[in-house]
Amino acid sequence: MNRILFLAAITAMLMTRQVQAQVFNFSPDALSPAYSLDISWHITTLLVFPCAIQSADRGDRYILAEKVKGVENVLKVKAGEKGFQPSNLHVITRDGKVYTFDVHYMDTPAYQTVDLRRQDPFAPVEFDGVSLNSKELADFSALVSGSEPFLKGVHSNRNGLTFTMDGIFIRHDVIFLRYLLKNNTAIGYEEGALRFFIRDKKRMKRTAEEDREVLPLYLLRSGSPENDNGEIIVVAFPKFTIAENKDFVTELMEAGGDRNAACKLDEGKLLKAKALLR
């Protein structure tokens, strides 16, 4: 009996060493840098990202973080308690990039606004369920932005704003929608939330149960609504289709105002999508 137990112990030790020998270290390319972020109990810090924020994960409940109302790419961060222990914050943007922050408490932070749009880009990020990574999404979005408009009849023209979907493109399992926004008034237009839904065509009023929000993978803006050529907006989504009794609805809200716009895409126009070739 003792001999059997001894042999079992030797076998277990050998297996443990074998498993340990198969442990690999991360390569330098796999490691993302962490930014040092000081926050305060009585001062709010704003983090401005190059793309809309998908989610924020706090390492400690004393880190208070939420998006600025009406703005998709700005996160306000504050301390919920004075002198908390160092922790971390991860922010994922809709283009798949991950931003890591080492968070410390400081009564008077050196910086109250951090604009990450001026940082060098991170390595490409892979998305679940789609074949394009974040760099490919950015490259194809730029290609779509410079393409010729061809789609007709999907637009909103009210309150001095013209909001038009003028192109639909597809690359493998990703759909790219191209929009043009023009402000035809002397009153400047500040864009707020941009949201996307699949909605029943026949309904008396909008309800949450009838709307299915569609979250984009990537969003690219170029130009300005006040320019002669307007602003071009390109949004990438996982491939989708629309039933005959539904529309794909794009809603654009004005930040701090009521000049909102919406345009509806039906099944027939979606099927006019053009293939993106490289």
Protein backbone atom coordinates (compact mmCIF):
# COMPACT_ATOMS: atom_id res chain seq x y z
CA MET A 1 0.00 0.00 0.00
CA ASN A 2 2.81 2.43 0.94
CA ARG A 3 4.58 1.56 -2.33
CA ILE A 4 1.45 2.49 -4.32
CA LEU A 5 1.12 5.80 -2.47
CA PHE A 6 4.80 6.55 -3.06
CA LEU A 7 4.50 5.89 -6.81
CA ALA A 8 1.37 8.06 -7.00
CA ALA A 9 3.18 10.92 -5.27
CA ILE A 10 6.15 10.66 -7.67
CA THR A 11 3.78 10.64 -10.66
CA ALA A 12 1.95 13.73 -9.39
CA MET A 13 5.26 15.58 -8.91
CA LEU A 14 6.39 14.74 -12.44
CA MET A 15 3.06 15.90 -13.90
CA THR A 16 3.28 19.17 -11.93
CA ARG A 17 6.78 19.85 -13.25
CA GLN A 18 5.64 19.10 -16.78
CA VAL A 19 2.74 21.56 -16.48
CA GLN A 20 5.05 24.19 -15.00
CA ALA A 21 7.48 23.73 -17.88
CA GLN A 22 4.69 24.60 -20.32
CA VAL A 23 3.95 28.02 -18.79
CA PHE A 24 4.89 30.83 -21.20
CA ASN A 25 5.60 34.48 -20.51
CA PHE A 26 3.68 37.23 -22.31
CA SER A 27 5.52 38.76 -25.23
CA PRO A 28 6.11 42.53 -25.04
CA ASP A 29 3.66 43.05 -27.92
CA ALA A 30 0.87 41.46 -25.84
CA LEU A 31 1.23 43.95 -22.99
CA SER A 32 -0.70 47.22 -23.14
CA PRO A 33 0.66 50.31 -21.38
CA ALA A 34 -1.14 51.66 -18.32
CA TYR A 35 -1.64 55.39 -17.83
CA SER A 36 -1.23 56.94 -14.40
CA LEU A 37 -4.42 58.76 -13.44
CA ASP A 38 -4.85 60.93 -10.33
CA ILE A 39 -8.40 61.67 -9.22
CA SER A 40 -9.90 63.72 -6.40
CA TRP A 41 -12.97 63.71 -4.19
CA HIS A 42 -13.90 67.32 -5.00
CA ILE A 43 -12.50 67.75 -8.56
CA THR A 44 -13.83 65.98 -11.67
CA THR A 45 -11.38 64.68 -14.28
CA LEU A 46 -12.48 64.31 -17.91
CA LEU A 47 -11.06 61.60 -20.17
CA VAL A 48 -11.62 62.25 -23.88
CA PHE A 49 -11.34 59.16 -26.12
CA PRO A 50 -10.91 58.94 -29.90
CA CYS A 51 -14.05 56.82 -30.21
CA ALA A 52 -17.37 56.27 -28.42
CA ILE A 53 -17.10 54.47 -25.07
CA GLN A 54 -18.44 50.93 -24.96
CA SER A 55 -17.87 50.15 -21.28
CA ALA A 56 -15.80 51.08 -18.22
CA ASP A 57 -14.67 48.59 -15.56
CA ARG A 58 -13.63 49.98 -12.17
CA GLY A 59 -11.22 48.12 -9.94
CA ASP A 60 -12.69 49.77 -6.85
CA ARG A 61 -16.17 51.06 -6.03
CA TYR A 62 -14.62 54.31 -4.83
CA ILE A 63 -13.75 55.16 -8.43
CA LEU A 64 -16.81 56.95 -9.81
CA ALA A 65 -16.96 56.93 -13.61
CA GLU A 66 -19.74 57.77 -16.06
CA LYS A 67 -20.13 59.12 -19.56
CA VAL A 68 -20.90 62.82 -19.96
CA LYS A 69 -24.57 63.15 -20.86
CA GLY A 70 -25.11 63.63 -24.58
CA VAL A 71 -21.47 62.87 -25.46
CA GLU A 72 -20.36 59.35 -26.39
CA ASN A 73 -16.57 59.65 -26.06
CA VAL A 74 -16.04 61.58 -22.82
CA LEU A 75 -15.82 59.90 -19.40
CA LYS A 76 -15.92 61.87 -16.17
CA VAL A 77 -14.04 60.32 -13.25
CA LYS A 78 -14.06 61.25 -9.58
CA ALA A 79 -13.20 59.71 -6.20
CA GLY A 80 -16.04 58.46 -4.03
CA GLU A 81 -13.87 58.50 -0.92
CA LYS A 82 -10.79 60.44 0.14
CA GLY A 83 -7.48 58.60 0.31
CA PHE A 84 -8.58 55.26 -1.19
CA GLN A 85 -5.94 52.64 -1.99
CA PRO A 86 -4.46 52.61 -5.53
CA SER A 87 -6.66 50.73 -7.99
CA ASN A 88 -7.29 50.55 -11.74
CA LEU A 89 -9.77 51.43 -14.47
CA HIS A 90 -10.28 49.79 -17.86
CA VAL A 91 -12.17 51.59 -20.63
CA ILE A 92 -13.19 49.82 -23.85
CA THR A 93 -14.20 51.96 -26.81
CA ARG A 94 -16.47 50.89 -29.65
CA ASP A 95 -13.57 50.47 -32.04
CA GLY A 96 -12.30 47.67 -29.80
CA LYS A 97 -9.43 49.49 -28.12
CA VAL A 98 -8.71 48.95 -24.43
CA TYR A 99 -7.35 51.75 -22.25
CA THR A 100 -5.84 50.86 -18.86
CA PHE A 101 -5.36 53.35 -16.04
CA ASP A 102 -3.54 53.00 -12.72
CA VAL A 103 -5.71 55.17 -10.48
CA HIS A 104 -4.42 57.04 -7.42
CA TYR A 105 -6.03 59.50 -5.04
CA MET A 106 -4.73 63.06 -4.99
CA ASP A 107 -6.40 66.13 -3.47
CA THR A 108 -5.37 68.33 -6.40
CA PRO A 109 -4.73 66.38 -9.62
CA ALA A 110 -2.18 67.87 -11.99
CA TYR A 111 -4.55 67.42 -14.94
CA GLN A 112 -8.31 67.83 -15.08
CA THR A 113 -8.77 66.99 -18.77
CA VAL A 114 -6.87 64.25 -20.61
CA ASP A 115 -7.33 64.06 -24.40
CA LEU A 116 -6.40 60.57 -25.53
CA ARG A 117 -7.11 61.46 -29.15
CA ARG A 118 -3.55 62.80 -29.22
CA GLN A 119 -1.99 59.50 -28.14
CA ASP A 120 -0.36 57.05 -30.53
CA PRO A 121 -2.73 54.24 -31.59
CA PHE A 122 -2.67 50.86 -29.87
CA ALA A 123 -2.10 47.51 -31.52
CA PRO A 124 -5.09 46.10 -33.45
CA VAL A 125 -7.81 44.47 -31.36
CA GLU A 126 -9.81 41.43 -32.46
CA PHE A 127 -13.61 41.38 -32.14
CA ASP A 128 -15.76 38.37 -31.33
CA GLY A 129 -17.92 37.26 -34.24
CA VAL A 130 -16.36 39.45 -36.97
CA SER A 131 -13.34 38.89 -39.19
CA LEU A 132 -11.94 42.46 -39.20
CA ASN A 133 -9.73 43.78 -36.43
CA SER A 134 -9.68 47.40 -35.22
CA LYS A 135 -7.01 48.51 -37.71
CA GLU A 136 -8.88 46.96 -40.63
CA LEU A 137 -12.10 48.63 -39.47
CA ALA A 138 -10.30 51.98 -39.40
CA ASP A 139 -8.76 51.42 -42.85
CA PHE A 140 -12.02 50.38 -44.51
CA SER A 141 -13.92 53.19 -42.78
CA ALA A 142 -11.47 55.68 -44.27
CA LEU A 143 -12.01 54.05 -47.68
CA VAL A 144 -15.79 54.39 -47.30
CA SER A 145 -15.44 58.00 -46.15
CA GLY A 146 -13.76 58.91 -49.43
CA SER A 147 -16.17 56.95 -51.63
CA GLU A 148 -18.81 58.40 -53.93
CA PRO A 149 -22.38 58.55 -52.54
CA PHE A 150 -24.91 56.37 -54.35
CA LEU A 151 -27.85 55.67 -52.05
CA LYS A 152 -31.03 57.76 -52.45
CA GLY A 153 -34.10 58.28 -50.31
CA VAL A 154 -32.72 57.73 -46.78
CA HIS A 155 -32.58 61.18 -45.23
CA SER A 156 -34.00 63.74 -42.81
CA ASN A 157 -34.36 67.42 -43.69
CA ARG A 158 -35.73 69.54 -40.86
CA ASN A 159 -34.73 72.32 -38.46
CA GLY A 160 -32.14 73.50 -40.99
CA LEU A 161 -30.29 70.16 -40.84
CA THR A 162 -29.79 67.69 -43.65
CA PHE A 163 -28.92 64.20 -42.40
CA THR A 164 -28.51 61.61 -45.15
CA MET A 165 -27.40 58.00 -45.38
CA ASP A 166 -25.78 57.97 -48.82
CA GLY A 167 -23.82 54.72 -48.94
CA ILE A 168 -23.92 51.09 -47.73
CA PHE A 169 -20.88 48.85 -48.08
CA ILE A 170 -19.98 45.36 -46.90
CA ARG A 171 -16.68 43.63 -46.31
CA HIS A 172 -17.04 39.98 -45.31
CA ASP A 173 -19.20 40.08 -42.15
CA VAL A 174 -19.07 43.84 -41.49
CA ILE A 175 -21.49 46.48 -42.83
CA PHE A 176 -20.33 50.09 -43.24
CA LEU A 177 -22.92 52.90 -43.37
CA ARG A 178 -21.93 56.31 -44.71
CA TYR A 179 -23.79 59.46 -43.59
CA LEU A 180 -23.60 63.12 -44.55
CA LEU A 181 -24.58 65.82 -42.05
CA LYS A 182 -24.98 69.48 -43.11
CA ASN A 183 -26.06 72.43 -41.01
CA ASN A 184 -27.81 74.97 -43.25
CA THR A 185 -28.27 77.59 -40.54
CA ALA A 186 -26.06 80.22 -38.92
CA ILE A 187 -26.54 78.56 -35.52
CA GLY A 188 -23.71 76.11 -34.84
CA TYR A 189 -24.63 72.45 -34.38
CA GLU A 190 -23.00 70.42 -31.62
CA GLU A 191 -23.51 66.69 -32.03
CA GLY A 192 -24.64 64.59 -29.10
CA ALA A 193 -25.60 60.94 -29.01
CA LEU A 194 -25.77 58.89 -32.21
CA ARG A 195 -27.89 55.75 -31.76
CA PHE A 196 -29.10 52.91 -33.96
CA PHE A 197 -32.20 50.73 -33.67
CA ILE A 198 -34.15 48.08 -35.52
CA ARG A 199 -37.78 49.15 -35.11
CA ASP A 200 -41.22 47.93 -36.18
CA LYS A 201 -42.64 50.02 -39.03
CA LYS A 202 -46.24 49.96 -37.80
CA ARG A 203 -46.60 51.24 -34.27
CA MET A 204 -48.49 54.09 -32.65
CA LYS A 205 -45.67 55.16 -30.34
CA ARG A 206 -42.12 54.11 -29.57
CA THR A 207 -41.59 51.59 -26.76
CA ALA A 208 -38.43 49.97 -25.49
CA GLU A 209 -39.84 46.52 -26.23
CA GLU A 210 -40.22 47.32 -29.93
CA ASP A 211 -36.73 48.82 -30.33
CA ARG A 212 -33.61 46.67 -30.58
CA GLU A 213 -30.51 48.78 -30.26
CA VAL A 214 -27.62 47.92 -32.59
CA LEU A 215 -24.17 48.77 -31.26
CA PRO A 216 -21.47 49.81 -33.73
CA LEU A 217 -17.97 48.39 -33.94
CA TYR A 218 -16.33 51.57 -35.14
CA LEU A 219 -17.20 55.19 -35.90
CA LEU A 220 -15.27 57.70 -38.02
CA ARG A 221 -16.05 61.40 -38.42
CA SER A 222 -14.44 63.82 -40.86
CA GLY A 223 -15.28 67.41 -41.78
CA SER A 224 -17.82 69.63 -40.05
CA PRO A 225 -21.59 70.17 -40.41
CA GLU A 226 -20.86 73.87 -40.96
CA ASN A 227 -18.49 73.27 -43.91
CA ASP A 228 -19.69 73.49 -47.50
CA ASN A 229 -19.08 69.75 -47.94
CA GLY A 230 -20.62 68.90 -44.55
CA GLU A 231 -19.49 66.20 -42.15
CA ILE A 232 -19.07 62.60 -43.27
CA ILE A 233 -19.79 59.93 -40.67
CA VAL A 234 -18.92 56.27 -41.26
CA VAL A 235 -20.21 53.61 -38.86
CA ALA A 236 -19.28 49.91 -38.96
CA PHE A 237 -21.59 47.15 -37.64
CA PRO A 238 -21.57 43.36 -37.50
CA LYS A 239 -23.52 42.17 -40.54
CA PHE A 240 -27.30 42.38 -40.09
CA THR A 241 -30.49 42.08 -42.13
CA ILE A 242 -33.95 43.67 -41.75
CA ALA A 243 -37.37 42.01 -41.96
CA GLU A 244 -39.99 43.49 -44.30
CA ASN A 245 -41.97 44.95 -41.40
CA LYS A 246 -38.99 46.67 -39.76
CA ASP A 247 -36.65 49.63 -40.34
CA PHE A 248 -33.09 50.32 -39.33
CA VAL A 249 -33.35 53.73 -37.64
CA THR A 250 -30.48 56.15 -37.06
CA GLU A 251 -31.08 58.88 -34.47
CA LEU A 252 -28.80 61.89 -34.08
CA MET A 253 -29.32 64.09 -31.01
CA GLU A 254 -28.11 67.66 -30.57
CA ALA A 255 -26.03 68.23 -27.43
CA GLY A 256 -27.80 70.83 -25.32
CA GLY A 257 -30.51 71.43 -27.93
CA ASP A 258 -33.57 70.00 -29.64
CA ARG A 259 -32.49 69.85 -33.29
CA ASN A 260 -32.60 66.07 -33.53
CA ALA A 261 -32.61 64.08 -36.76
CA ALA A 262 -33.53 60.53 -37.76
CA CYS A 263 -33.44 58.52 -40.97
CA LYS A 264 -34.90 55.09 -41.73
CA LEU A 265 -33.40 52.30 -43.81
CA ASP A 266 -35.64 49.50 -45.08
CA GLU A 267 -34.89 46.00 -46.33
CA GLY A 268 -34.87 46.92 -50.02
CA LYS A 269 -32.29 49.69 -49.67
CA LEU A 270 -30.08 47.59 -47.39
CA LEU A 271 -29.81 45.00 -50.17
CA LYS A 272 -28.19 47.65 -52.39
CA ALA A 273 -24.99 47.39 -50.34
CA LYS A 274 -21.80 47.39 -52.40
CA ALA A 275 -18.90 45.03 -51.73
CA LEU A 276 -15.66 46.59 -50.54
CA LEU A 277 -12.68 45.21 -52.45
CA ARG A 278 -9.03 45.62 -51.64
